[in-house]
């Protein structure tokens, strides 16, 4: 008979494997001559179109425009002392996740740079 801890460990491994597989998922669609690729978190990963650079620039500008609105909407919650305590706890105990996020961000950055240099993927 296995111990409760080993059952939780096994579940943890299953969750990690599932997350790893989900992180690799990409969705691709072409409409009106524009091909778009998104990741499992609905982030725009690639655009294939003669105006791809402009489309990506508009996407990035929209993200920058959105952020202050999100910050304002969340201001009351984030300024609450209880929410700050939870946030501090999560940040302190989530350094491994932060390292993973930074690796992904660096990978995304390299991908977008390659994409900007060769939007049609002719040299991939």
N, C-alpha and C. Protein backbone atom coordinates (compact mmCIF):
# COMPACT_ATOMS: atom_id res chain seq x y z
N UNK A 1 0.85 -1.18 0.00
CA UNK A 1 0.00 0.00 0.00
C UNK A 1 0.89 1.24 0.00
N UNK A 2 0.57 2.19 -0.82
CA UNK A 2 1.39 3.40 -0.91
C UNK A 2 0.94 4.42 0.12
N UNK A 3 1.87 5.25 0.53
CA UNK A 3 1.56 6.27 1.54
C UNK A 3 0.85 7.44 0.87
N UNK A 4 0.14 8.25 1.67
CA UNK A 4 -0.52 9.43 1.11
C UNK A 4 0.46 10.37 0.42
N UNK A 5 1.68 10.50 0.99
CA UNK A 5 2.66 11.40 0.38
C UNK A 5 3.04 10.93 -1.01
N UNK A 6 3.24 9.62 -1.18
CA UNK A 6 3.62 9.13 -2.51
C UNK A 6 2.48 9.32 -3.51
N UNK A 7 1.25 9.25 -3.03
CA UNK A 7 0.11 9.50 -3.92
C UNK A 7 0.11 10.96 -4.38
N UNK A 8 0.42 11.87 -3.45
CA UNK A 8 0.48 13.29 -3.81
C UNK A 8 1.67 13.56 -4.71
N UNK A 9 2.79 12.88 -4.45
CA UNK A 9 3.97 13.02 -5.31
C UNK A 9 3.63 12.57 -6.73
N UNK A 10 2.92 11.44 -6.82
CA UNK A 10 2.54 10.92 -8.13
C UNK A 10 1.61 11.90 -8.85
N UNK A 11 0.66 12.45 -8.11
CA UNK A 11 -0.23 13.45 -8.70
C UNK A 11 0.55 14.67 -9.14
N UNK A 12 1.51 15.10 -8.32
CA UNK A 12 2.34 16.24 -8.68
C UNK A 12 3.10 16.00 -9.98
N UNK A 13 3.63 14.79 -10.14
CA UNK A 13 4.34 14.46 -11.37
C UNK A 13 3.40 14.48 -12.57
N UNK A 14 2.19 13.97 -12.38
CA UNK A 14 1.20 13.99 -13.46
C UNK A 14 0.88 15.43 -13.88
N UNK A 15 0.72 16.29 -12.88
CA UNK A 15 0.43 17.70 -13.16
C UNK A 15 1.59 18.33 -13.91
N UNK A 16 2.83 18.05 -13.48
CA UNK A 16 4.00 18.61 -14.15
C UNK A 16 4.08 18.12 -15.59
N UNK A 17 3.84 16.84 -15.82
CA UNK A 17 3.87 16.30 -17.19
C UNK A 17 2.80 16.95 -18.05
N UNK A 18 1.61 17.07 -17.49
CA UNK A 18 0.51 17.70 -18.24
C UNK A 18 0.86 19.15 -18.57
N UNK A 19 1.40 19.89 -17.60
CA UNK A 19 1.76 21.28 -17.84
C UNK A 19 2.83 21.40 -18.91
N UNK A 20 3.81 20.48 -18.86
CA UNK A 20 4.87 20.47 -19.87
C UNK A 20 4.27 20.27 -21.26
N UNK A 21 3.35 19.33 -21.38
CA UNK A 21 2.70 19.07 -22.67
C UNK A 21 1.84 20.25 -23.12
N UNK A 22 1.10 20.84 -22.19
CA UNK A 22 0.26 21.99 -22.52
C UNK A 22 1.12 23.16 -22.98
N UNK A 23 2.27 23.37 -22.34
CA UNK A 23 3.15 24.47 -22.72
C UNK A 23 3.65 24.35 -24.16
N UNK A 24 3.69 23.14 -24.70
CA UNK A 24 4.16 22.93 -26.07
C UNK A 24 3.05 23.10 -27.10
N UNK A 25 1.80 23.18 -26.68
CA UNK A 25 0.66 23.25 -27.60
C UNK A 25 0.65 24.58 -28.34
N UNK A 26 0.40 24.51 -29.63
CA UNK A 26 0.25 25.69 -30.48
C UNK A 26 -1.01 25.51 -31.31
N UNK A 27 -1.72 26.60 -31.53
CA UNK A 27 -2.87 26.61 -32.43
C UNK A 27 -2.54 27.50 -33.61
N UNK A 28 -2.88 27.05 -34.81
CA UNK A 28 -2.58 27.80 -36.02
C UNK A 28 -3.83 27.90 -36.88
N UNK A 29 -4.05 29.07 -37.44
CA UNK A 29 -5.19 29.26 -38.34
C UNK A 29 -4.81 30.29 -39.40
N UNK A 30 -5.39 30.10 -40.59
CA UNK A 30 -5.19 31.04 -41.68
C UNK A 30 -6.56 31.56 -42.13
N UNK A 31 -6.69 32.88 -42.16
CA UNK A 31 -7.91 33.53 -42.59
C UNK A 31 -7.52 34.71 -43.46
N UNK A 32 -8.06 34.81 -44.64
CA UNK A 32 -7.79 35.94 -45.51
C UNK A 32 -6.31 36.12 -45.82
N UNK A 33 -5.57 35.02 -45.91
CA UNK A 33 -4.15 35.10 -46.24
C UNK A 33 -3.24 35.42 -45.07
N UNK A 34 -3.81 35.54 -43.88
CA UNK A 34 -3.00 35.81 -42.69
C UNK A 34 -2.98 34.54 -41.84
N UNK A 35 -1.78 34.05 -41.55
CA UNK A 35 -1.64 32.88 -40.68
C UNK A 35 -1.18 33.36 -39.32
N UNK A 36 -1.86 32.90 -38.28
CA UNK A 36 -1.56 33.29 -36.91
C UNK A 36 -1.33 32.03 -36.09
N UNK A 37 -0.34 32.10 -35.21
CA UNK A 37 -0.06 30.99 -34.29
C UNK A 37 -0.17 31.52 -32.87
N UNK A 38 -0.87 30.77 -32.01
CA UNK A 38 -1.01 31.13 -30.60
C UNK A 38 -0.52 29.97 -29.74
N UNK A 39 -0.14 30.30 -28.50
CA UNK A 39 0.26 29.23 -27.59
C UNK A 39 -0.93 28.84 -26.72
N UNK A 40 -0.71 27.93 -25.78
CA UNK A 40 -1.79 27.41 -24.95
C UNK A 40 -2.38 28.47 -24.02
N UNK A 41 -1.65 29.57 -23.81
CA UNK A 41 -2.15 30.65 -22.97
C UNK A 41 -2.75 31.78 -23.81
N UNK A 42 -3.03 31.49 -25.08
CA UNK A 42 -3.65 32.43 -26.01
C UNK A 42 -2.75 33.59 -26.38
N UNK A 43 -1.44 33.46 -26.15
CA UNK A 43 -0.51 34.52 -26.54
C UNK A 43 -0.19 34.37 -28.02
N UNK A 44 -0.11 35.49 -28.71
CA UNK A 44 0.28 35.49 -30.12
C UNK A 44 1.74 35.10 -30.22
N UNK A 45 2.02 34.05 -30.97
CA UNK A 45 3.38 33.55 -31.10
C UNK A 45 3.97 33.93 -32.46
N UNK A 46 3.15 33.88 -33.51
CA UNK A 46 3.67 34.19 -34.85
C UNK A 46 2.55 34.68 -35.75
N UNK A 47 2.94 35.50 -36.72
CA UNK A 47 2.03 35.99 -37.75
C UNK A 47 2.75 35.84 -39.08
N UNK A 48 2.08 35.27 -40.05
CA UNK A 48 2.66 35.11 -41.38
C UNK A 48 1.84 35.93 -42.37
N UNK A 49 2.40 37.06 -42.76
CA UNK A 49 1.72 37.98 -43.66
C UNK A 49 2.75 39.02 -44.09
N UNK A 50 2.62 39.60 -45.27
CA UNK A 50 3.58 40.62 -45.68
C UNK A 50 3.69 41.78 -44.70
N UNK A 51 2.61 42.08 -43.99
CA UNK A 51 2.62 43.17 -43.01
C UNK A 51 2.79 42.64 -41.58
N UNK A 52 3.44 41.48 -41.43
CA UNK A 52 3.57 40.85 -40.12
C UNK A 52 4.23 41.77 -39.10
N UNK A 53 5.24 42.48 -39.51
CA UNK A 53 5.94 43.37 -38.57
C UNK A 53 5.00 44.43 -38.03
N UNK A 54 4.16 45.00 -38.88
CA UNK A 54 3.19 46.01 -38.44
C UNK A 54 2.13 45.39 -37.54
N UNK A 55 1.72 44.18 -37.88
CA UNK A 55 0.71 43.49 -37.05
C UNK A 55 1.28 43.23 -35.66
N UNK A 56 2.51 42.74 -35.58
CA UNK A 56 3.14 42.49 -34.28
C UNK A 56 3.34 43.78 -33.50
N UNK A 57 3.72 44.85 -34.19
CA UNK A 57 3.90 46.14 -33.51
C UNK A 57 2.57 46.62 -32.94
N UNK A 58 1.48 46.46 -33.69
CA UNK A 58 0.16 46.85 -33.20
C UNK A 58 -0.25 46.00 -32.01
N UNK A 59 0.05 44.70 -32.07
CA UNK A 59 -0.26 43.79 -30.97
C UNK A 59 0.48 44.23 -29.70
N UNK A 60 1.77 44.51 -29.83
CA UNK A 60 2.56 44.94 -28.67
C UNK A 60 2.06 46.28 -28.13
N UNK A 61 1.67 47.18 -29.02
CA UNK A 61 1.13 48.48 -28.59
C UNK A 61 -0.19 48.29 -27.84
N UNK A 62 -1.02 47.36 -28.32
CA UNK A 62 -2.29 47.08 -27.64
C UNK A 62 -2.04 46.52 -26.24
N UNK A 63 -1.02 45.66 -26.10
CA UNK A 63 -0.68 45.14 -24.77
C UNK A 63 -0.25 46.27 -23.84
N UNK A 64 0.55 47.20 -24.36
CA UNK A 64 0.99 48.33 -23.53
C UNK A 64 -0.19 49.24 -23.17
N UNK A 65 -1.14 49.39 -24.08
CA UNK A 65 -2.33 50.22 -23.83
C UNK A 65 -3.22 49.58 -22.77
N UNK A 66 -3.31 48.26 -22.80
CA UNK A 66 -4.18 47.52 -21.88
C UNK A 66 -3.67 47.53 -20.45
N UNK A 67 -2.37 47.45 -20.25
CA UNK A 67 -1.81 47.24 -18.91
C UNK A 67 -2.21 48.29 -17.89
N UNK A 68 -2.14 49.59 -18.20
CA UNK A 68 -2.57 50.58 -17.18
C UNK A 68 -4.04 50.41 -16.80
N UNK A 69 -4.86 49.99 -17.73
CA UNK A 69 -6.29 49.77 -17.44
C UNK A 69 -6.47 48.60 -16.48
N UNK A 70 -5.70 47.52 -16.70
CA UNK A 70 -5.74 46.37 -15.79
C UNK A 70 -5.24 46.79 -14.42
N UNK A 71 -4.13 47.53 -14.39
CA UNK A 71 -3.57 47.99 -13.12
C UNK A 71 -4.59 48.82 -12.34
N UNK A 72 -5.27 49.71 -13.02
CA UNK A 72 -6.28 50.56 -12.37
C UNK A 72 -7.44 49.72 -11.85
N UNK A 73 -7.91 48.78 -12.64
CA UNK A 73 -9.02 47.92 -12.23
C UNK A 73 -8.65 47.08 -11.00
N UNK A 74 -7.39 46.71 -10.88
CA UNK A 74 -6.92 45.85 -9.78
C UNK A 74 -6.38 46.65 -8.59
N UNK A 75 -6.32 47.98 -8.71
CA UNK A 75 -5.68 48.81 -7.69
C UNK A 75 -6.22 48.55 -6.29
N UNK A 76 -7.55 48.53 -6.11
CA UNK A 76 -8.12 48.35 -4.77
C UNK A 76 -7.76 46.99 -4.18
N UNK A 77 -7.80 45.96 -5.00
CA UNK A 77 -7.46 44.62 -4.52
C UNK A 77 -5.99 44.55 -4.16
N UNK A 78 -5.14 45.03 -5.05
CA UNK A 78 -3.70 44.92 -4.84
C UNK A 78 -3.18 45.80 -3.71
N UNK A 79 -3.92 46.85 -3.36
CA UNK A 79 -3.49 47.70 -2.26
C UNK A 79 -4.00 47.19 -0.91
N UNK A 80 -4.87 46.19 -0.91
CA UNK A 80 -5.37 45.60 0.33
C UNK A 80 -4.23 44.87 1.04
N UNK A 81 -4.05 45.10 2.35
CA UNK A 81 -2.95 44.45 3.08
C UNK A 81 -2.99 42.92 3.01
N UNK A 82 -4.18 42.34 3.00
CA UNK A 82 -4.28 40.88 2.91
C UNK A 82 -3.79 40.39 1.55
N UNK A 83 -4.17 41.09 0.51
CA UNK A 83 -3.72 40.69 -0.83
C UNK A 83 -2.21 40.87 -0.95
N UNK A 84 -1.68 41.93 -0.35
CA UNK A 84 -0.24 42.14 -0.39
C UNK A 84 0.51 41.03 0.33
N UNK A 85 -0.04 40.58 1.46
CA UNK A 85 0.59 39.49 2.21
C UNK A 85 0.60 38.20 1.38
N UNK A 86 -0.52 37.90 0.75
CA UNK A 86 -0.60 36.70 -0.09
C UNK A 86 0.36 36.83 -1.26
N UNK A 87 0.40 37.99 -1.88
CA UNK A 87 1.29 38.22 -3.02
C UNK A 87 2.75 38.06 -2.62
N UNK A 88 3.12 38.61 -1.48
CA UNK A 88 4.49 38.48 -1.00
C UNK A 88 4.83 37.03 -0.73
N UNK A 89 3.91 36.31 -0.11
CA UNK A 89 4.12 34.89 0.16
C UNK A 89 4.33 34.12 -1.13
N UNK A 90 3.48 34.36 -2.12
CA UNK A 90 3.59 33.65 -3.39
C UNK A 90 4.88 33.99 -4.11
N UNK A 91 5.26 35.25 -4.12
CA UNK A 91 6.50 35.65 -4.78
C UNK A 91 7.71 35.01 -4.10
N UNK A 92 7.69 34.95 -2.77
CA UNK A 92 8.80 34.38 -2.03
C UNK A 92 8.93 32.88 -2.29
N UNK A 93 7.80 32.22 -2.42
CA UNK A 93 7.80 30.76 -2.56
C UNK A 93 7.69 30.30 -3.99
N UNK A 94 7.86 31.19 -4.93
CA UNK A 94 7.67 30.83 -6.33
C UNK A 94 8.88 31.18 -7.18
N UNK A 95 10.08 31.11 -6.64
CA UNK A 95 11.27 31.50 -7.39
C UNK A 95 11.51 30.56 -8.56
N UNK A 96 11.20 29.27 -8.42
CA UNK A 96 11.37 28.33 -9.53
C UNK A 96 10.47 28.68 -10.70
N UNK A 97 9.25 29.08 -10.40
CA UNK A 97 8.32 29.48 -11.45
C UNK A 97 8.81 30.74 -12.14
N UNK A 98 9.37 31.68 -11.39
CA UNK A 98 9.90 32.90 -11.98
C UNK A 98 11.05 32.59 -12.93
N UNK A 99 11.91 31.67 -12.54
CA UNK A 99 13.02 31.28 -13.41
C UNK A 99 12.48 30.67 -14.70
N UNK A 100 11.45 29.84 -14.59
CA UNK A 100 10.83 29.24 -15.77
C UNK A 100 10.22 30.31 -16.66
N UNK A 101 9.54 31.28 -16.05
CA UNK A 101 8.93 32.38 -16.83
C UNK A 101 10.00 33.16 -17.57
N UNK A 102 11.13 33.40 -16.91
CA UNK A 102 12.21 34.15 -17.56
C UNK A 102 12.79 33.36 -18.73
N UNK A 103 12.93 32.05 -18.57
CA UNK A 103 13.42 31.23 -19.69
C UNK A 103 12.45 31.30 -20.87
N UNK A 104 11.16 31.21 -20.57
CA UNK A 104 10.15 31.28 -21.63
C UNK A 104 10.19 32.65 -22.30
N UNK A 105 10.29 33.71 -21.51
CA UNK A 105 10.34 35.06 -22.07
C UNK A 105 11.54 35.22 -22.98
N UNK A 106 12.69 34.69 -22.56
CA UNK A 106 13.89 34.78 -23.39
C UNK A 106 13.71 33.99 -24.68
N UNK A 107 13.08 32.81 -24.59
CA UNK A 107 12.81 32.00 -25.77
C UNK A 107 11.85 32.73 -26.70
N UNK A 108 10.79 33.33 -26.12
CA UNK A 108 9.83 34.10 -26.93
C UNK A 108 10.53 35.26 -27.62
N UNK A 109 11.41 35.93 -26.89
CA UNK A 109 12.14 37.07 -27.44
C UNK A 109 12.98 36.64 -28.65
N UNK A 110 13.69 35.53 -28.51
CA UNK A 110 14.50 35.02 -29.62
C UNK A 110 13.61 34.63 -30.80
N UNK A 111 12.46 34.01 -30.50
CA UNK A 111 11.55 33.59 -31.56
C UNK A 111 11.03 34.81 -32.33
N UNK A 112 10.59 35.85 -31.60
CA UNK A 112 10.07 37.05 -32.26
C UNK A 112 11.16 37.74 -33.08
N UNK A 113 12.38 37.74 -32.58
CA UNK A 113 13.48 38.36 -33.33
C UNK A 113 13.72 37.59 -34.63
N UNK A 114 13.75 36.27 -34.56
CA UNK A 114 13.89 35.45 -35.78
C UNK A 114 12.73 35.73 -36.72
N UNK A 115 11.53 35.83 -36.14
CA UNK A 115 10.34 36.07 -36.95
C UNK A 115 10.43 37.43 -37.63
N UNK A 116 10.89 38.44 -36.93
CA UNK A 116 11.01 39.77 -37.52
C UNK A 116 12.02 39.77 -38.67
N UNK A 117 13.07 38.98 -38.53
CA UNK A 117 14.09 38.91 -39.56
C UNK A 117 13.63 38.08 -40.76
N UNK A 118 12.76 37.11 -40.52
CA UNK A 118 12.31 36.21 -41.59
C UNK A 118 10.84 35.85 -41.37
N UNK A 119 9.90 36.81 -41.58
CA UNK A 119 8.50 36.58 -41.24
C UNK A 119 7.84 35.43 -42.01
N UNK A 120 8.34 35.09 -43.15
CA UNK A 120 7.74 34.01 -43.92
C UNK A 120 8.37 32.65 -43.63
N UNK A 121 9.37 32.63 -42.78
CA UNK A 121 9.98 31.37 -42.38
C UNK A 121 10.76 30.68 -43.47
N UNK A 122 11.31 31.43 -44.38
CA UNK A 122 12.03 30.82 -45.49
C UNK A 122 13.37 30.22 -45.09
N UNK A 123 13.96 30.72 -44.00
CA UNK A 123 15.27 30.23 -43.56
C UNK A 123 15.21 29.42 -42.29
N UNK A 124 14.05 28.84 -42.00
CA UNK A 124 13.91 28.04 -40.75
C UNK A 124 14.16 26.60 -41.02
